[in-house]
Amino acid sequence: MKKRPGGTTHLSISLPTAEAKLLRRRAKRVYDGNVSRVVSDAVRYIAYEEGRDALIASFGGKGKPTQAEAAQLDNAWGFVAKAPPESRGAVKKSA
């Protein structure tokens, strides 16, 4: 059997019949029958959820970052924080 590139690991899992059918149906529809690619997609989604949960936990249960924490995240992720929208009727300062 030809080895796959990228260092793979073989797993043997047991699933309820309905879930196995769901994997096969999606594999057939999206990846030309390759169930491993469907499982790989699911693992990437789980990794995303784990990262999201870790991020939320890093806020210490507050659920919303402080302005300093938001700025730190923006900087770390390469985003630029948007300035608050100007209210109607406000006078713009000229330079």
PDB file of N, CA and C in Angstrom:
ATOM      1  N   MET A   1       0.845  -1.182   0.000  1.00  0.00           N
ATOM      2  CA  MET A   1       0.000   0.000   0.000  1.00  0.00           C
ATOM      3  C   MET A   1       0.887   1.242   0.000  1.00  0.00           C
ATOM      4  N   LYS A   2       0.560   2.219  -0.818  1.00  0.00           N
ATOM      5  CA  LYS A   2       1.328   3.447  -0.942  1.00  0.00           C
ATOM      6  C   LYS A   2       1.161   4.294   0.322  1.00  0.00           C
ATOM      7  N   LYS A   3       2.277   4.827   0.832  1.00  0.00           N
ATOM      8  CA  LYS A   3       2.238   5.683   2.011  1.00  0.00           C
ATOM      9  C   LYS A   3       1.752   7.074   1.637  1.00  0.00           C
ATOM     10  N   ARG A   4       0.961   7.672   2.514  1.00  0.00           N
ATOM     11  CA  ARG A   4       0.448   9.014   2.279  1.00  0.00           C
ATOM     12  C   ARG A   4       1.466  10.050   2.719  1.00  0.00           C
ATOM     13  N   PRO A   5       1.525  11.161   2.013  1.00  0.00           N
ATOM     14  CA  PRO A   5       2.461  12.222   2.414  1.00  0.00           C
ATOM     15  C   PRO A   5       1.971  12.928   3.679  1.00  0.00           C
ATOM     16  N   GLY A   6       2.898  13.504   4.430  1.00  0.00           N
ATOM     17  CA  GLY A   6       2.505  14.333   5.559  1.00  0.00           C
ATOM     18  C   GLY A   6       2.454  13.630   6.890  1.00  0.00           C
ATOM     19  N   GLY A   7       2.925  12.409   6.992  1.00  0.00           N
ATOM     20  CA  GLY A   7       2.950  11.726   8.280  1.00  0.00           C
ATOM     21  C   GLY A   7       1.568  11.468   8.841  1.00  0.00           C
ATOM     22  N   THR A   8       0.942  10.423   8.435  1.00  0.00           N
ATOM     23  CA  THR A   8      -0.405  10.102   8.900  1.00  0.00           C
ATOM     24  C   THR A   8      -0.348   9.010   9.955  1.00  0.00           C
ATOM     25  N   THR A   9      -1.427   8.879  10.713  1.00  0.00           N
ATOM     26  CA  THR A   9      -1.581   7.837  11.717  1.00  0.00           C
ATOM     27  C   THR A   9      -2.863   7.087  11.424  1.00  0.00           C
ATOM     28  N   HIS A  10      -2.799   5.783  11.486  1.00  0.00           N
ATOM     29  CA  HIS A  10      -3.972   4.952  11.242  1.00  0.00           C
ATOM     30  C   HIS A  10      -4.754   4.803  12.541  1.00  0.00           C
ATOM     31  N   LEU A  11      -6.055   5.033  12.494  1.00  0.00           N
ATOM     32  CA  LEU A  11      -6.933   4.870  13.643  1.00  0.00           C
ATOM     33  C   LEU A  11      -8.028   3.884  13.307  1.00  0.00           C
ATOM     34  N   SER A  12      -8.442   3.130  14.298  1.00  0.00           N
ATOM     35  CA  SER A  12      -9.592   2.258  14.141  1.00  0.00           C
ATOM     36  C   SER A  12     -10.640   2.746  15.132  1.00  0.00           C
ATOM     37  N   ILE A  13     -11.809   3.153  14.621  1.00  0.00           N
ATOM     38  CA  ILE A  13     -12.850   3.683  15.497  1.00  0.00           C
ATOM     39  C   ILE A  13     -14.157   2.937  15.265  1.00  0.00           C
ATOM     40  N   SER A  14     -15.006   2.967  16.268  1.00  0.00           N
ATOM     41  CA  SER A  14     -16.346   2.394  16.159  1.00  0.00           C
ATOM     42  C   SER A  14     -17.353   3.528  16.270  1.00  0.00           C
ATOM     43  N   LEU A  15     -18.282   3.556  15.337  1.00  0.00           N
ATOM     44  CA  LEU A  15     -19.310   4.586  15.317  1.00  0.00           C
ATOM     45  C   LEU A  15     -20.677   3.952  15.196  1.00  0.00           C
ATOM     46  N   PRO A  16     -21.698   4.634  15.685  1.00  0.00           N
ATOM     47  CA  PRO A  16     -23.058   4.168  15.404  1.00  0.00           C
ATOM     48  C   PRO A  16     -23.270   4.151  13.886  1.00  0.00           C
ATOM     49  N   THR A  17     -24.060   3.227  13.422  1.00  0.00           N
ATOM     50  CA  THR A  17     -24.291   3.049  11.989  1.00  0.00           C
ATOM     51  C   THR A  17     -24.739   4.339  11.309  1.00  0.00           C
ATOM     52  N   ALA A  18     -25.629   5.076  11.950  1.00  0.00           N
ATOM     53  CA  ALA A  18     -26.138   6.320  11.344  1.00  0.00           C
ATOM     54  C   ALA A  18     -25.008   7.330  11.144  1.00  0.00           C
ATOM     55  N   GLU A  19     -24.083   7.416  12.113  1.00  0.00           N
ATOM     56  CA  GLU A  19     -22.975   8.365  11.982  1.00  0.00           C
ATOM     57  C   GLU A  19     -22.000   7.926  10.890  1.00  0.00           C
ATOM     58  N   ALA A  20     -21.758   6.630  10.789  1.00  0.00           N
ATOM     59  CA  ALA A  20     -20.875   6.118   9.732  1.00  0.00           C
ATOM     60  C   ALA A  20     -21.481   6.401   8.358  1.00  0.00           C
ATOM     61  N   LYS A  21     -22.790   6.241   8.228  1.00  0.00           N
ATOM     62  CA  LYS A  21     -23.468   6.533   6.963  1.00  0.00           C
ATOM     63  C   LYS A  21     -23.348   8.014   6.620  1.00  0.00           C
ATOM     64  N   LEU A  22     -23.474   8.861   7.640  1.00  0.00           N
ATOM     65  CA  LEU A  22     -23.343  10.296   7.429  1.00  0.00           C
ATOM     66  C   LEU A  22     -21.943  10.638   6.910  1.00  0.00           C
ATOM     67  N   LEU A  23     -20.909  10.054   7.515  1.00  0.00           N
ATOM     68  CA  LEU A  23     -19.534  10.292   7.059  1.00  0.00           C
ATOM     69  C   LEU A  23     -19.348   9.833   5.614  1.00  0.00           C
ATOM     70  N   ARG A  24     -19.838   8.651   5.313  1.00  0.00           N
ATOM     71  CA  ARG A  24     -19.684   8.122   3.948  1.00  0.00           C
ATOM     72  C   ARG A  24     -20.440   8.966   2.925  1.00  0.00           C
ATOM     73  N   ARG A  25     -21.651   9.399   3.301  1.00  0.00           N
ATOM     74  CA  ARG A  25     -22.451  10.223   2.383  1.00  0.00           C
ATOM     75  C   ARG A  25     -21.737  11.540   2.095  1.00  0.00           C
ATOM     76  N   ARG A  26     -21.210  12.185   3.131  1.00  0.00           N
ATOM     77  CA  ARG A  26     -20.483  13.450   2.920  1.00  0.00           C
ATOM     78  C   ARG A  26     -19.199  13.204   2.128  1.00  0.00           C
ATOM     79  N   ALA A  27     -18.498  12.120   2.437  1.00  0.00           N
ATOM     80  CA  ALA A  27     -17.264  11.796   1.713  1.00  0.00           C
ATOM     81  C   ALA A  27     -17.549  11.624   0.230  1.00  0.00           C
ATOM     82  N   LYS A  28     -18.626  10.931  -0.090  1.00  0.00           N
ATOM     83  CA  LYS A  28     -18.989  10.702  -1.480  1.00  0.00           C
ATOM     84  C   LYS A  28     -19.330  12.015  -2.178  1.00  0.00           C
ATOM     85  N   ARG A  29     -20.061  12.883  -1.460  1.00  0.00           N
ATOM     86  CA  ARG A  29     -20.512  14.144  -2.039  1.00  0.00           C
ATOM     87  C   ARG A  29     -19.383  15.165  -2.170  1.00  0.00           C
ATOM     88  N   VAL A  30     -18.493  15.238  -1.183  1.00  0.00           N
ATOM     89  CA  VAL A  30     -17.511  16.319  -1.150  1.00  0.00           C
ATOM     90  C   VAL A  30     -16.110  15.884  -1.572  1.00  0.00           C
ATOM     91  N   TYR A  31     -15.698  14.661  -1.199  1.00  0.00           N
ATOM     92  CA  TYR A  31     -14.309  14.254  -1.389  1.00  0.00           C
ATOM     93  C   TYR A  31     -14.147  12.966  -2.196  1.00  0.00           C
ATOM     94  N   ASP A  32     -15.019  12.739  -3.120  1.00  0.00           N
ATOM     95  CA  ASP A  32     -14.896  11.583  -4.003  1.00  0.00           C
ATOM     96  C   ASP A  32     -14.795  10.271  -3.220  1.00  0.00           C
ATOM     97  N   GLY A  33     -15.481  10.203  -2.065  1.00  0.00           N
ATOM     98  CA  GLY A  33     -15.523   8.980  -1.276  1.00  0.00           C
ATOM     99  C   GLY A  33     -14.465   8.861  -0.195  1.00  0.00           C
ATOM    100  N   ASN A  34     -13.604   9.861  -0.022  1.00  0.00           N
ATOM    101  CA  ASN A  34     -12.513   9.790   0.946  1.00  0.00           C
ATOM    102  C   ASN A  34     -13.005  10.174   2.345  1.00  0.00           C
ATOM    103  N   VAL A  35     -13.308   9.165   3.169  1.00  0.00           N
ATOM    104  CA  VAL A  35     -13.832   9.378   4.514  1.00  0.00           C
ATOM    105  C   VAL A  35     -12.781  10.055   5.402  1.00  0.00           C
ATOM    106  N   SER A  36     -11.504   9.741   5.190  1.00  0.00           N
ATOM    107  CA  SER A  36     -10.443  10.353   5.997  1.00  0.00           C
ATOM    108  C   SER A  36     -10.448  11.870   5.870  1.00  0.00           C
ATOM    109  N   ARG A  37     -10.753  12.378   4.698  1.00  0.00           N
ATOM    110  CA  ARG A  37     -10.801  13.833   4.511  1.00  0.00           C
ATOM    111  C   ARG A  37     -11.961  14.448   5.286  1.00  0.00           C
ATOM    112  N   VAL A  38     -13.072  13.737   5.374  1.00  0.00           N
ATOM    113  CA  VAL A  38     -14.219  14.228   6.151  1.00  0.00           C
ATOM    114  C   VAL A  38     -13.847  14.271   7.627  1.00  0.00           C
ATOM    115  N   VAL A  39     -13.205  13.223   8.122  1.00  0.00           N
ATOM    116  CA  VAL A  39     -12.783  13.177   9.522  1.00  0.00           C
ATOM    117  C   VAL A  39     -11.773  14.297   9.780  1.00  0.00           C
ATOM    118  N   SER A  40     -10.876  14.530   8.837  1.00  0.00           N
ATOM    119  CA  SER A  40      -9.893  15.604   8.962  1.00  0.00           C
ATOM    120  C   SER A  40     -10.589  16.961   9.087  1.00  0.00           C
ATOM    121  N   ASP A  41     -11.627  17.192   8.313  1.00  0.00           N
ATOM    122  CA  ASP A  41     -12.403  18.428   8.417  1.00  0.00           C
ATOM    123  C   ASP A  41     -13.000  18.565   9.818  1.00  0.00           C
ATOM    124  N   ALA A  42     -13.542  17.468  10.326  1.00  0.00           N
ATOM    125  CA  ALA A  42     -14.150  17.481  11.654  1.00  0.00           C
ATOM    126  C   ALA A  42     -13.106  17.794  12.721  1.00  0.00           C
ATOM    127  N   VAL A  43     -11.914  17.247  12.577  1.00  0.00           N
ATOM    128  CA  VAL A  43     -10.838  17.503  13.538  1.00  0.00           C
ATOM    129  C   VAL A  43     -10.436  18.969  13.501  1.00  0.00           C
ATOM    130  N   ARG A  44     -10.360  19.566  12.314  1.00  0.00           N
ATOM    131  CA  ARG A  44     -10.028  20.989  12.213  1.00  0.00           C
ATOM    132  C   ARG A  44     -11.086  21.844  12.902  1.00  0.00           C
ATOM    133  N   TYR A  45     -12.343  21.462  12.770  1.00  0.00           N
ATOM    134  CA  TYR A  45     -13.417  22.198  13.439  1.00  0.00           C
ATOM    135  C   TYR A  45     -13.281  22.072  14.949  1.00  0.00           C
ATOM    136  N   ILE A  46     -12.963  20.881  15.420  1.00  0.00           N
ATOM    137  CA  ILE A  46     -12.769  20.662  16.859  1.00  0.00           C
ATOM    138  C   ILE A  46     -11.590  21.497  17.357  1.00  0.00           C
ATOM    139  N   ALA A  47     -10.509  21.560  16.592  1.00  0.00           N
ATOM    140  CA  ALA A  47      -9.349  22.367  16.970  1.00  0.00           C
ATOM    141  C   ALA A  47      -9.742  23.840  17.082  1.00  0.00           C
ATOM    142  N   TYR A  48     -10.577  24.307  16.153  1.00  0.00           N
ATOM    143  CA  TYR A  48     -11.081  25.680  16.211  1.00  0.00           C
ATOM    144  C   TYR A  48     -11.866  25.902  17.503  1.00  0.00           C
ATOM    145  N   GLU A  49     -12.758  24.971  17.837  1.00  0.00           N
ATOM    146  CA  GLU A  49     -13.555  25.091  19.058  1.00  0.00           C
ATOM    147  C   GLU A  49     -12.674  25.091  20.298  1.00  0.00           C
ATOM    148  N   GLU A  50     -11.660  24.247  20.321  1.00  0.00           N
ATOM    149  CA  GLU A  50     -10.741  24.192  21.463  1.00  0.00           C
ATOM    150  C   GLU A  50     -10.028  25.528  21.634  1.00  0.00           C
ATOM    151  N   GLY A  51      -9.580  26.111  20.536  1.00  0.00           N
ATOM    152  CA  GLY A  51      -8.927  27.410  20.590  1.00  0.00           C
ATOM    153  C   GLY A  51      -9.869  28.494  21.073  1.00  0.00           C
ATOM    154  N   ARG A  52     -11.084  28.461  20.574  1.00  0.00           N
ATOM    155  CA  ARG A  52     -12.089  29.437  20.998  1.00  0.00           C
ATOM    156  C   ARG A  52     -12.377  29.306  22.482  1.00  0.00           C
ATOM    157  N   ASP A  53     -12.523  28.064  22.959  1.00  0.00           N
ATOM    158  CA  ASP A  53     -12.795  27.837  24.376  1.00  0.00           C
ATOM    159  C   ASP A  53     -11.628  28.296  25.248  1.00  0.00           C
ATOM    160  N   ALA A  54     -10.402  28.063  24.777  1.00  0.00           N
ATOM    161  CA  ALA A  54      -9.226  28.515  25.525  1.00  0.00           C
ATOM    162  C   ALA A  54      -9.182  30.038  25.582  1.00  0.00           C
ATOM    163  N   LEU A  55      -9.540  30.689  24.477  1.00  0.00           N
ATOM    164  CA  LEU A  55      -9.564  32.145  24.444  1.00  0.00           C
ATOM    165  C   LEU A  55     -10.594  32.687  25.425  1.00  0.00           C
ATOM    166  N   ILE A  56     -11.778  32.127  25.417  1.00  0.00           N
ATOM    167  CA  ILE A  56     -12.831  32.569  26.336  1.00  0.00           C
ATOM    168  C   ILE A  56     -12.390  32.355  27.779  1.00  0.00           C
ATOM    169  N   ALA A  57     -11.773  31.199  28.055  1.00  0.00           N
ATOM    170  CA  ALA A  57     -11.299  30.911  29.415  1.00  0.00           C
ATOM    171  C   ALA A  57     -10.226  31.902  29.846  1.00  0.00           C
ATOM    172  N   SER A  58      -9.442  32.402  28.892  1.00  0.00           N
ATOM    173  CA  SER A  58      -8.377  33.342  29.234  1.00  0.00           C
ATOM    174  C   SER A  58      -8.935  34.677  29.722  1.00  0.00           C
ATOM    175  N   PHE A  59     -10.205  34.940  29.465  1.00  0.00           N
ATOM    176  CA  PHE A  59     -10.834  36.162  29.947  1.00  0.00           C
ATOM    177  C   PHE A  59     -11.271  36.026  31.405  1.00  0.00           C
ATOM    178  N   GLY A  60     -11.057  34.853  31.978  1.00  0.00           N
ATOM    179  CA  GLY A  60     -11.401  34.646  33.379  1.00  0.00           C
ATOM    180  C   GLY A  60     -12.890  34.630  33.640  1.00  0.00           C
ATOM    181  N   GLY A  61     -13.682  34.196  32.672  1.00  0.00           N
ATOM    182  CA  GLY A  61     -15.119  34.101  32.868  1.00  0.00           C
ATOM    183  C   GLY A  61     -15.861  35.412  32.666  1.00  0.00           C
ATOM    184  N   LYS A  62     -15.138  36.487  32.355  1.00  0.00           N
ATOM    185  CA  LYS A  62     -15.808  37.777  32.178  1.00  0.00           C
ATOM    186  C   LYS A  62     -16.626  37.804  30.896  1.00  0.00           C
ATOM    187  N   GLY A  63     -16.194  37.041  29.894  1.00  0.00           N
ATOM    188  CA  GLY A  63     -16.934  36.965  28.645  1.00  0.00           C
ATOM    189  C   GLY A  63     -16.663  38.092  27.679  1.00  0.00           C
ATOM    190  N   LYS A  64     -16.166  39.216  28.159  1.00  0.00           N
ATOM    191  CA  LYS A  64     -15.872  40.348  27.278  1.00  0.00           C
ATOM    192  C   LYS A  64     -14.515  40.914  27.692  1.00  0.00           C
ATOM    193  N   PRO A  65     -13.608  41.048  26.723  1.00  0.00           N
ATOM    194  CA  PRO A  65     -12.290  41.565  27.070  1.00  0.00           C
ATOM    195  C   PRO A  65     -12.343  43.056  27.421  1.00  0.00           C
ATOM    196  N   THR A  66     -11.416  43.478  28.274  1.00  0.00           N
ATOM    197  CA  THR A  66     -11.282  44.908  28.549  1.00  0.00           C
ATOM    198  C   THR A  66     -10.712  45.570  27.301  1.00  0.00           C
ATOM    199  N   GLN A  67     -10.689  46.900  27.277  1.00  0.00           N
ATOM    200  CA  GLN A  67     -10.123  47.596  26.118  1.00  0.00           C
ATOM    201  C   GLN A  67      -8.657  47.226  25.936  1.00  0.00           C
ATOM    202  N   ALA A  68      -7.934  47.104  27.036  1.00  0.00           N
ATOM    203  CA  ALA A  68      -6.517  46.736  26.950  1.00  0.00           C
ATOM    204  C   ALA A  68      -6.360  45.317  26.394  1.00  0.00           C
ATOM    205  N   GLU A  69      -7.209  44.386  26.858  1.00  0.00           N
ATOM    206  CA  GLU A  69      -7.142  43.009  26.357  1.00  0.00           C
ATOM    207  C   GLU A  69      -7.515  42.960  24.876  1.00  0.00           C
ATOM    208  N   ALA A  70      -8.535  43.726  24.487  1.00  0.00           N
ATOM    209  CA  ALA A  70      -8.952  43.756  23.079  1.00  0.00           C
ATOM    210  C   ALA A  70      -7.830  44.305  22.206  1.00  0.00           C
ATOM    211  N   ALA A  71      -7.167  45.367  22.683  1.00  0.00           N
ATOM    212  CA  ALA A  71      -6.056  45.945  21.918  1.00  0.00           C
ATOM    213  C   ALA A  71      -4.911  44.942  21.799  1.00  0.00           C
ATOM    214  N   GLN A  72      -4.657  44.207  22.883  1.00  0.00           N
ATOM    215  CA  GLN A  72      -3.591  43.198  22.862  1.00  0.00           C
ATOM    216  C   GLN A  72      -3.933  42.090  21.860  1.00  0.00           C
ATOM    217  N   LEU A  73      -5.176  41.656  21.838  1.00  0.00           N
ATOM    218  CA  LEU A  73      -5.598  40.629  20.881  1.00  0.00           C
ATOM    219  C   LEU A  73      -5.519  41.163  19.454  1.00  0.00           C
ATOM    220  N   ASP A  74      -5.967  42.402  19.252  1.00  0.00           N
ATOM    221  CA  ASP A  74      -5.882  43.008  17.919  1.00  0.00           C
ATOM    222  C   ASP A  74      -4.443  43.034  17.433  1.00  0.00           C
ATOM    223  N   ASN A  75      -3.545  43.419  18.317  1.00  0.00           N
ATOM    224  CA  ASN A  75      -2.133  43.484  17.970  1.00  0.00           C
ATOM    225  C   ASN A  75      -1.592  42.088  17.659  1.00  0.00           C
ATOM    226  N   ALA A  76      -1.913  41.114  18.505  1.00  0.00           N
ATOM    227  CA  ALA A  76      -1.418  39.750  18.315  1.00  0.00           C
ATOM    228  C   ALA A  76      -1.952  39.131  17.024  1.00  0.00           C
ATOM    229  N   TRP A  77      -3.197  39.445  16.662  1.00  0.00           N
ATOM    230  CA  TRP A  77      -3.817  38.857  15.474  1.00  0.00           C
ATOM    231  C   TRP A  77      -3.634  39.726  14.234  1.00  0.00           C
ATOM    232  N   GLY A  78      -2.980  40.878  14.377  1.00  0.00           N
ATOM    233  CA  GLY A  78      -2.729  41.737  13.222  1.00  0.00           C
ATOM    234  C   GLY A  78      -3.922  42.572  12.806  1.00  0.00           C
ATOM    235  N   PHE A  79      -4.865  42.790  13.718  1.00  0.00           N
ATOM    236  CA  PHE A  79      -6.026  43.623  13.405  1.00  0.00           C
ATOM    237  C   PHE A  79      -5.787  45.032  13.930  1.00  0.00           C
ATOM    238  N   VAL A  80      -6.498  45.989  13.358  1.00  0.00           N
ATOM    239  CA  VAL A  80      -6.450  47.358  13.849  1.00  0.00           C
ATOM    240  C   VAL A  80      -7.817  47.664  14.431  1.00  0.00           C
ATOM    241  N   ALA A  81      -7.837  48.084  15.675  1.00  0.00           N
ATOM    242  CA  ALA A  81      -9.113  48.408  16.319  1.00  0.00           C
ATOM    243  C   ALA A  81      -9.746  49.596  15.620  1.00  0.00           C
ATOM    244  N   LYS A  82     -11.041  49.513  15.381  1.00  0.00           N
ATOM    245  CA  LYS A  82     -11.755  50.614  14.732  1.00  0.00           C
ATOM    246  C   LYS A  82     -12.046  51.702  15.751  1.00  0.00           C
ATOM    247  N   ALA A  83     -11.967  52.934  15.306  1.00  0.00           N
ATOM    248  CA  ALA A  83     -12.324  54.062  16.167  1.00  0.00           C
ATOM    249  C   ALA A  83     -13.832  54.049  16.349  1.00  0.00           C
ATOM    250  N   PRO A  84     -14.328  54.487  17.505  1.00  0.00           N
ATOM    251  CA  PRO A  84     -15.785  54.515  17.692  1.00  0.00           C
ATOM    252  C   PRO A  84     -16.419  55.462  16.690  1.00  0.00           C
ATOM    253  N   PRO A  85     -17.623  55.133  16.216  1.00  0.00           N
ATOM    254  CA  PRO A  85     -18.274  56.001  15.222  1.00  0.00           C
ATOM    255  C   PRO A  85     -18.594  57.354  15.848  1.00  0.00           C
ATOM    256  N   GLU A  86     -18.478  58.383  15.027  1.00  0.00           N
ATOM    257  CA  GLU A  86     -18.785  59.722  15.516  1.00  0.00           C
ATOM    258  C   GLU A  86     -20.296  59.875  15.626  1.00  0.00           C
ATOM    259  N   SER A  87     -20.718  60.561  16.663  1.00  0.00           N
ATOM    260  CA  SER A  87     -22.159  60.747  16.828  1.00  0.00           C
ATOM    261  C   SER A  87     -22.651  61.819  15.858  1.00  0.00           C
ATOM    262  N   ARG A  88     -23.909  61.780  15.554  1.00  0.00           N
ATOM    263  CA  ARG A  88     -24.488  62.778  14.649  1.00  0.00           C
ATOM    264  C   ARG A  88     -24.431  64.139  15.296  1.00  0.00           C
ATOM    265  N   GLY A  89     -24.120  65.105  14.533  1.00  0.00           N
ATOM    266  CA  GLY A  89     -24.092  66.473  15.032  1.00  0.00           C
ATOM    267  C   GLY A  89     -22.780  66.835  15.694  1.00  0.00           C
ATOM    268  N   ALA A  90     -21.884  65.872  15.799  1.00  0.00           N
ATOM    269  CA  ALA A  90     -20.597  66.167  16.415  1.00  0.00           C
ATOM    270  C   ALA A  90     -19.765  67.013  15.454  1.00  0.00           C
ATOM    271  N   VAL A  91     -19.000  67.888  16.000  1.00  0.00           N
ATOM    272  CA  VAL A  91     -18.141  68.747  15.188  1.00  0.00           C
ATOM    273  C   VAL A  91     -16.788  68.060  15.045  1.00  0.00           C
ATOM    274  N   LYS A  92     -16.353  67.913  13.800  1.00  0.00           N
ATOM    275  CA  LYS A  92     -15.056  67.307  13.558  1.00  0.00           C
ATOM    276  C   LYS A  92     -13.960  68.300  13.855  1.00  0.00           C
ATOM    277  N   LYS A  93     -12.910  67.806  14.461  1.00  0.00           N
ATOM    278  CA  LYS A  93     -11.760  68.664  14.716  1.00  0.00           C
ATOM    279  C   LYS A  93     -10.942  68.758  13.438  1.00  0.00           C
ATOM    280  N   SER A  94     -10.552  69.958  13.083  1.00  0.00           N
ATOM    281  CA  SER A  94      -9.734  70.115  11.881  1.00  0.00           C
ATOM    282  C   SER A  94      -8.272  70.121  12.276  1.00  0.00           C
ATOM    283  N   ALA A  95      -7.445  69.606  11.388  1.00  0.00           N
ATOM    284  CA  ALA A  95      -6.008  69.519  11.668  1.00  0.00           C
ATOM    285  C   ALA A  95      -5.285  70.762  11.275  1.00  0.00           C
TER     286      ALA A  95
END
